[in-house]
PDB file of N, CA and C in Angstrom:
ATOM      1  N   MET A   1      61.220-150.585 125.246  1.00  0.00           N
ATOM      2  CA  MET A   1      60.535-150.023 124.477  1.00  0.00           C
ATOM      3  C   MET A   1      61.572-150.563 122.909  1.00  0.00           C
ATOM      4  N   ASN A   2      62.363-149.438 122.677  1.00  0.00           N
ATOM      5  CA  ASN A   2      63.712-149.737 122.038  1.00  0.00           C
ATOM      6  C   ASN A   2      63.892-150.788 121.340  1.00  0.00           C
ATOM      7  N   THR A   3      63.681-151.613 122.456  1.00  0.00           N
ATOM      8  CA  THR A   3      64.508-152.878 122.014  1.00  0.00           C
ATOM      9  C   THR A   3      63.132-154.352 121.341  1.00  0.00           C
ATOM     10  N   LEU A   4      62.088-153.790 122.355  1.00  0.00           N
ATOM     11  CA  LEU A   4      61.394-154.410 120.990  1.00  0.00           C
ATOM     12  C   LEU A   4      60.527-153.945 120.130  1.00  0.00           C
ATOM     13  N   PHE A   5      60.772-152.877 119.912  1.00  0.00           N
ATOM     14  CA  PHE A   5      60.731-152.357 118.152  1.00  0.00           C
ATOM     15  C   PHE A   5      61.759-152.785 117.356  1.00  0.00           C
ATOM     16  N   GLU A   6      63.202-152.640 117.686  1.00  0.00           N
ATOM     17  CA  GLU A   6      64.309-153.903 116.912  1.00  0.00           C
ATOM     18  C   GLU A   6      63.246-154.631 116.885  1.00  0.00           C
ATOM     19  N   GLN A   7      62.966-155.768 117.650  1.00  0.00           N
ATOM     20  CA  GLN A   7      62.167-156.604 117.592  1.00  0.00           C
ATOM     21  C   GLN A   7      61.216-157.006 116.278  1.00  0.00           C
ATOM     22  N   LEU A   8      60.657-156.184 116.549  1.00  0.00           N
ATOM     23  CA  LEU A   8      59.507-156.218 115.252  1.00  0.00           C
ATOM     24  C   LEU A   8      59.904-155.839 114.117  1.00  0.00           C
ATOM     25  N   GLY A   9      61.318-154.613 113.852  1.00  0.00           N
ATOM     26  CA  GLY A   9      61.594-154.866 112.778  1.00  0.00           C
ATOM     27  C   GLY A   9      61.462-153.570 113.053  1.00  0.00           C
ATOM     28  N   LEU A  10      61.075-152.434 113.364  1.00  0.00           N
ATOM     29  CA  LEU A  10      60.359-150.801 113.083  1.00  0.00           C
ATOM     30  C   LEU A  10      61.821-150.294 113.819  1.00  0.00           C
ATOM     31  N   ALA A  11      61.719-149.380 113.550  1.00  0.00           N
ATOM     32  CA  ALA A  11      62.758-147.719 114.144  1.00  0.00           C
ATOM     33  C   ALA A  11      62.215-147.512 114.791  1.00  0.00           C
ATOM     34  N   SER A  12      63.387-147.765 115.771  1.00  0.00           N
ATOM     35  CA  SER A  12      63.669-148.199 117.196  1.00  0.00           C
ATOM     36  C   SER A  12      64.072-147.089 118.083  1.00  0.00           C
ATOM     37  N   ALA A  13      64.657-145.576 117.926  1.00  0.00           N
ATOM     38  CA  ALA A  13      64.707-144.313 118.478  1.00  0.00           C
ATOM     39  C   ALA A  13      64.066-144.194 118.768  1.00  0.00           C
ATOM     40  N   ASP A  14      63.986-143.458 120.074  1.00  0.00           N
ATOM     41  CA  ASP A  14      62.759-142.888 120.739  1.00  0.00           C
ATOM     42  C   ASP A  14      61.693-142.230 120.142  1.00  0.00           C
ATOM     43  N   ALA A  15      62.467-140.526 119.215  1.00  0.00           N
ATOM     44  CA  ALA A  15      61.275-140.143 118.553  1.00  0.00           C
ATOM     45  C   ALA A  15      61.095-140.898 117.894  1.00  0.00           C
ATOM     46  N   GLN A  16      60.864-142.168 116.802  1.00  0.00           N
ATOM     47  CA  GLN A  16      60.512-142.772 115.826  1.00  0.00           C
ATOM     48  C   GLN A  16      59.433-143.926 116.752  1.00  0.00           C
ATOM     49  N   ILE A  17      59.253-143.764 117.810  1.00  0.00           N
ATOM     50  CA  ILE A  17      58.628-144.969 118.896  1.00  0.00           C
ATOM     51  C   ILE A  17      57.929-143.330 118.645  1.00  0.00           C
ATOM     52  N   ASP A  18      58.355-142.520 119.357  1.00  0.00           N
ATOM     53  CA  ASP A  18      56.729-141.403 119.508  1.00  0.00           C
ATOM     54  C   ASP A  18      55.886-141.495 117.934  1.00  0.00           C
ATOM     55  N   GLN A  19      56.671-141.127 117.143  1.00  0.00           N
ATOM     56  CA  GLN A  19      55.516-140.764 116.115  1.00  0.00           C
ATOM     57  C   GLN A  19      54.736-142.137 115.693  1.00  0.00           C
ATOM     58  N   PHE A  20      55.756-143.259 116.109  1.00  0.00           N
ATOM     59  CA  PHE A  20      54.440-144.227 115.707  1.00  0.00           C
ATOM     60  C   PHE A  20      53.746-144.590 116.572  1.00  0.00           C
ATOM     61  N   ILE A  21      53.596-144.238 117.755  1.00  0.00           N
ATOM     62  CA  ILE A  21      52.515-144.134 119.275  1.00  0.00           C
ATOM     63  C   ILE A  21      51.803-143.295 118.257  1.00  0.00           C
ATOM     64  N   ASN A  22      52.474-142.353 118.075  1.00  0.00           N
ATOM     65  CA  ASN A  22      51.426-141.128 117.770  1.00  0.00           C
ATOM     66  C   ASN A  22      50.546-141.721 116.306  1.00  0.00           C
ATOM     67  N   THR A  23      51.145-142.364 115.524  1.00  0.00           N
ATOM     68  CA  THR A  23      50.150-141.991 114.270  1.00  0.00           C
ATOM     69  C   THR A  23      49.730-143.669 114.088  1.00  0.00           C
ATOM     70  N   HIS A  24      49.416-144.783 115.051  1.00  0.00           N
ATOM     71  CA  HIS A  24      49.056-145.778 115.364  1.00  0.00           C
ATOM     72  C   HIS A  24      48.159-145.611 115.870  1.00  0.00           C
ATOM     73  N   LYS A  25      46.918-145.071 116.813  1.00  0.00           N
ATOM     74  CA  LYS A  25      46.200-144.990 117.725  1.00  0.00           C
ATOM     75  C   LYS A  25      45.019-146.479 118.128  1.00  0.00           C
ATOM     76  N   LEU A  26      44.730-146.984 118.894  1.00  0.00           N
ATOM     77  CA  LEU A  26      43.563-147.852 119.305  1.00  0.00           C
ATOM     78  C   LEU A  26      42.369-146.839 119.664  1.00  0.00           C
ATOM     79  N   PHE A  27      41.631-146.777 119.066  1.00  0.00           N
ATOM     80  CA  PHE A  27      40.820-146.033 119.853  1.00  0.00           C
ATOM     81  C   PHE A  27      39.443-147.039 120.371  1.00  0.00           C
ATOM     82  N   SER A  28      39.169-148.195 119.733  1.00  0.00           N
ATOM     83  CA  SER A  28      38.084-149.171 120.672  1.00  0.00           C
ATOM     84  C   SER A  28      38.836-150.122 121.557  1.00  0.00           C
ATOM     85  N   ASP A  29      38.574-150.512 122.437  1.00  0.00           N
ATOM     86  CA  ASP A  29      38.719-151.359 123.500  1.00  0.00           C
ATOM     87  C   ASP A  29      38.654-152.776 122.583  1.00  0.00           C
ATOM     88  N   LYS A  30      37.750-153.098 121.908  1.00  0.00           N
ATOM     89  CA  LYS A  30      36.700-154.220 121.363  1.00  0.00           C
ATOM     90  C   LYS A  30      38.113-154.503 120.230  1.00  0.00           C
ATOM     91  N   VAL A  31      39.166-154.051 120.030  1.00  0.00           N
ATOM     92  CA  VAL A  31      40.725-154.265 119.142  1.00  0.00           C
ATOM     93  C   VAL A  31      41.677-154.659 120.229  1.00  0.00           C
ATOM     94  N   LYS A  32      41.895-156.058 119.794  1.00  0.00           N
ATOM     95  CA  LYS A  32      43.314-156.414 120.498  1.00  0.00           C
ATOM     96  C   LYS A  32      44.671-155.849 120.255  1.00  0.00           C
ATOM     97  N   LEU A  33      45.021-155.564 121.143  1.00  0.00           N
ATOM     98  CA  LEU A  33      46.525-155.307 120.348  1.00  0.00           C
ATOM     99  C   LEU A  33      47.067-155.463 119.509  1.00  0.00           C
ATOM    100  N   GLU A  34      47.272-157.544 119.243  1.00  0.00           N
ATOM    101  CA  GLU A  34      47.455-157.961 117.815  1.00  0.00           C
ATOM    102  C   GLU A  34      47.188-158.221 117.482  1.00  0.00           C
ATOM    103  N   ASP A  35      45.914-157.555 117.116  1.00  0.00           N
ATOM    104  CA  ASP A  35      44.922-157.874 115.867  1.00  0.00           C
ATOM    105  C   ASP A  35      44.511-156.585 115.441  1.00  0.00           C
ATOM    106  N   ALA A  36      45.671-155.499 115.650  1.00  0.00           N
ATOM    107  CA  ALA A  36      45.828-154.214 115.111  1.00  0.00           C
ATOM    108  C   ALA A  36      45.907-154.137 113.696  1.00  0.00           C
ATOM    109  N   THR A  37      45.248-153.573 112.520  1.00  0.00           N
ATOM    110  CA  THR A  37      45.330-153.379 111.459  1.00  0.00           C
ATOM    111  C   THR A  37      46.782-153.339 110.470  1.00  0.00           C
ATOM    112  N   PHE A  38      47.787-152.115 111.728  1.00  0.00           N
ATOM    113  CA  PHE A  38      48.970-151.653 111.281  1.00  0.00           C
ATOM    114  C   PHE A  38      50.065-152.735 111.476  1.00  0.00           C
ATOM    115  N   TRP A  39      49.737-154.404 112.032  1.00  0.00           N
ATOM    116  CA  TRP A  39      50.926-155.149 112.092  1.00  0.00           C
ATOM    117  C   TRP A  39      50.883-156.153 111.224  1.00  0.00           C
ATOM    118  N   THR A  40      52.440-156.614 110.733  1.00  0.00           N
ATOM    119  CA  THR A  40      52.021-157.349 109.693  1.00  0.00           C
ATOM    120  C   THR A  40      51.468-158.423 110.471  1.00  0.00           C
ATOM    121  N   ASP A  41      51.913-160.354 109.883  1.00  0.00           N
ATOM    122  CA  ASP A  41      51.561-160.800 110.430  1.00  0.00           C
ATOM    123  C   ASP A  41      52.686-160.981 111.475  1.00  0.00           C
ATOM    124  N   ALA A  42      53.564-161.373 110.985  1.00  0.00           N
ATOM    125  CA  ALA A  42      54.572-161.461 111.468  1.00  0.00           C
ATOM    126  C   ALA A  42      55.012-161.590 113.278  1.00  0.00           C
ATOM    127  N   GLN A  43      54.664-159.806 113.064  1.00  0.00           N
ATOM    128  CA  GLN A  43      55.117-159.044 114.236  1.00  0.00           C
ATOM    129  C   GLN A  43      52.949-159.575 115.026  1.00  0.00           C
ATOM    130  N   SER A  44      52.199-159.713 114.282  1.00  0.00           N
ATOM    131  CA  SER A  44      50.798-159.826 115.434  1.00  0.00           C
ATOM    132  C   SER A  44      50.981-161.502 116.303  1.00  0.00           C
ATOM    133  N   GLU A  45      51.632-161.885 115.211  1.00  0.00           N
ATOM    134  CA  GLU A  45      51.826-163.306 116.153  1.00  0.00           C
ATOM    135  C   GLU A  45      52.790-163.234 117.328  1.00  0.00           C
ATOM    136  N   PHE A  46      54.157-162.250 117.066  1.00  0.00           N
ATOM    137  CA  PHE A  46      54.943-162.297 118.097  1.00  0.00           C
ATOM    138  C   PHE A  46      54.359-161.744 119.490  1.00  0.00           C
ATOM    139  N   LEU A  47      53.417-160.380 119.396  1.00  0.00           N
ATOM    140  CA  LEU A  47      52.776-160.064 120.145  1.00  0.00           C
ATOM    141  C   LEU A  47      51.916-160.680 120.607  1.00  0.00           C
ATOM    142  N   ARG A  48      50.747-161.398 120.285  1.00  0.00           N
ATOM    143  CA  ARG A  48      49.997-162.527 120.560  1.00  0.00           C
ATOM    144  C   ARG A  48      51.100-163.437 121.362  1.00  0.00           C
ATOM    145  N   GLU A  49      52.081-164.183 121.161  1.00  0.00           N
ATOM    146  CA  GLU A  49      52.723-164.811 122.031  1.00  0.00           C
ATOM    147  C   GLU A  49      53.579-164.512 122.546  1.00  0.00           C
ATOM    148  N   ALA A  50      53.678-163.172 122.967  1.00  0.00           N
ATOM    149  CA  ALA A  50      54.011-162.273 124.352  1.00  0.00           C
ATOM    150  C   ALA A  50      52.993-162.319 125.145  1.00  0.00           C
ATOM    151  N   ILE A  51      52.256-161.718 125.002  1.00  0.00           N
ATOM    152  CA  ILE A  51      51.158-162.032 125.648  1.00  0.00           C
ATOM    153  C   ILE A  51      50.724-163.281 126.564  1.00  0.00           C
ATOM    154  N   ARG A  52      50.409-163.970 125.520  1.00  0.00           N
ATOM    155  CA  ARG A  52      50.039-165.714 125.967  1.00  0.00           C
ATOM    156  C   ARG A  52      50.874-165.979 126.445  1.00  0.00           C
ATOM    157  N   SER A  53      52.300-166.340 126.729  1.00  0.00           N
ATOM    158  CA  SER A  53      53.475-166.899 126.849  1.00  0.00           C
ATOM    159  C   SER A  53      53.677-166.019 128.549  1.00  0.00           C
ATOM    160  N   ASP A  54      53.525-164.853 128.805  1.00  0.00           N
ATOM    161  CA  ASP A  54      53.741-163.731 129.680  1.00  0.00           C
ATOM    162  C   ASP A  54      55.249-163.872 129.654  1.00  0.00           C
ATOM    163  N   SER A  55      56.155-163.980 128.570  1.00  0.00           N
ATOM    164  CA  SER A  55      57.023-164.089 128.815  1.00  0.00           C
ATOM    165  C   SER A  55      57.822-162.410 129.266  1.00  0.00           C
ATOM    166  N   ASP A  56      59.210-162.408 129.088  1.00  0.00           N
ATOM    167  CA  ASP A  56      59.809-161.685 128.919  1.00  0.00           C
ATOM    168  C   ASP A  56      59.621-160.078 128.836  1.00  0.00           C
ATOM    169  N   TRP A  57      58.715-160.375 127.587  1.00  0.00           N
ATOM    170  CA  TRP A  57      58.368-159.450 126.594  1.00  0.00           C
ATOM    171  C   TRP A  57      57.047-158.927 127.098  1.00  0.00           C
ATOM    172  N   SER A  58      56.335-159.678 128.234  1.00  0.00           N
ATOM    173  CA  SER A  58      55.039-158.833 127.972  1.00  0.00           C
ATOM    174  C   SER A  58      54.841-157.897 128.972  1.00  0.00           C
ATOM    175  N   GLU A  59      55.479-157.322 129.406  1.00  0.00           N
ATOM    176  CA  GLU A  59      55.989-156.260 130.238  1.00  0.00           C
ATOM    177  C   GLU A  59      55.664-154.895 129.149  1.00  0.00           C
ATOM    178  N   VAL A  60      56.734-154.975 128.564  1.00  0.00           N
ATOM    179  CA  VAL A  60      56.867-153.920 127.538  1.00  0.00           C
ATOM    180  C   VAL A  60      55.489-153.869 126.334  1.00  0.00           C
ATOM    181  N   VAL A  61      54.983-155.145 126.213  1.00  0.00           N
ATOM    182  CA  VAL A  61      54.262-155.099 125.271  1.00  0.00           C
ATOM    183  C   VAL A  61      53.109-154.665 126.210  1.00  0.00           C
ATOM    184  N   ASP A  62      52.939-154.585 126.948  1.00  0.00           N
ATOM    185  CA  ASP A  62      51.344-153.643 128.343  1.00  0.00           C
ATOM    186  C   ASP A  62      51.636-152.834 127.974  1.00  0.00           C
ATOM    187  N   GLU A  63      52.739-152.029 127.855  1.00  0.00           N
ATOM    188  CA  GLU A  63      53.237-150.382 128.176  1.00  0.00           C
ATOM    189  C   GLU A  63      53.338-150.405 126.704  1.00  0.00           C
ATOM    190  N   LEU A  64      53.573-150.751 125.626  1.00  0.00           N
ATOM    191  CA  LEU A  64      52.945-150.374 124.226  1.00  0.00           C
ATOM    192  C   LEU A  64      51.700-150.032 124.054  1.00  0.00           C
ATOM    193  N   ASN A  65      50.979-151.323 124.578  1.00  0.00           N
ATOM    194  CA  ASN A  65      49.298-151.103 124.446  1.00  0.00           C
ATOM    195  C   ASN A  65      48.764-150.243 125.131  1.00  0.00           C
ATOM    196  N   THR A  66      48.957-149.474 126.318  1.00  0.00           N
ATOM    197  CA  THR A  66      48.740-148.551 127.196  1.00  0.00           C
ATOM    198  C   THR A  66      48.929-147.518 126.169  1.00  0.00           C
ATOM    199  N   ARG A  67      50.037-147.467 125.670  1.00  0.00           N
ATOM    200  CA  ARG A  67      50.459-146.006 124.803  1.00  0.00           C
ATOM    201  C   ARG A  67      49.488-145.880 123.928  1.00  0.00           C
ATOM    202  N   LEU A  68      49.661-146.747 122.341  1.00  0.00           N
ATOM    203  CA  LEU A  68      48.599-147.037 121.717  1.00  0.00           C
ATOM    204  C   LEU A  68      47.184-146.312 122.068  1.00  0.00           C
ATOM    205  N   ARG A  69      46.805-146.728 122.250  1.00  0.00           N
ATOM    206  CA  ARG A  69      45.250-146.129 123.924  1.00  0.00           C
ATOM    207  C   ARG A  69      45.207-144.999 124.274  1.00  0.00           C
ATOM    208  N   GLY A  70      46.382-144.113 124.257  1.00  0.00           N
ATOM    209  CA  GLY A  70      46.424-143.337 125.166  1.00  0.00           C
ATOM    210  C   GLY A  70      46.359-141.725 124.910  1.00  0.00           C
TER     211      GLY A  70
END
């Protein structure tokens, strides 16, 4: 998760990740992770490509999605 946050250009320490997740919850199943309003265009595209291509990032992106909906 730390490396994903670095890739997204976000603060990547564990406490900072927890703070981000607590601040940016996804409450609707209708909103896809990559379409959330808090991402920049570049972040959205990175997440969309990671999901679409089933890349090495897919597992950690899925974890982020789960944590943002928790």
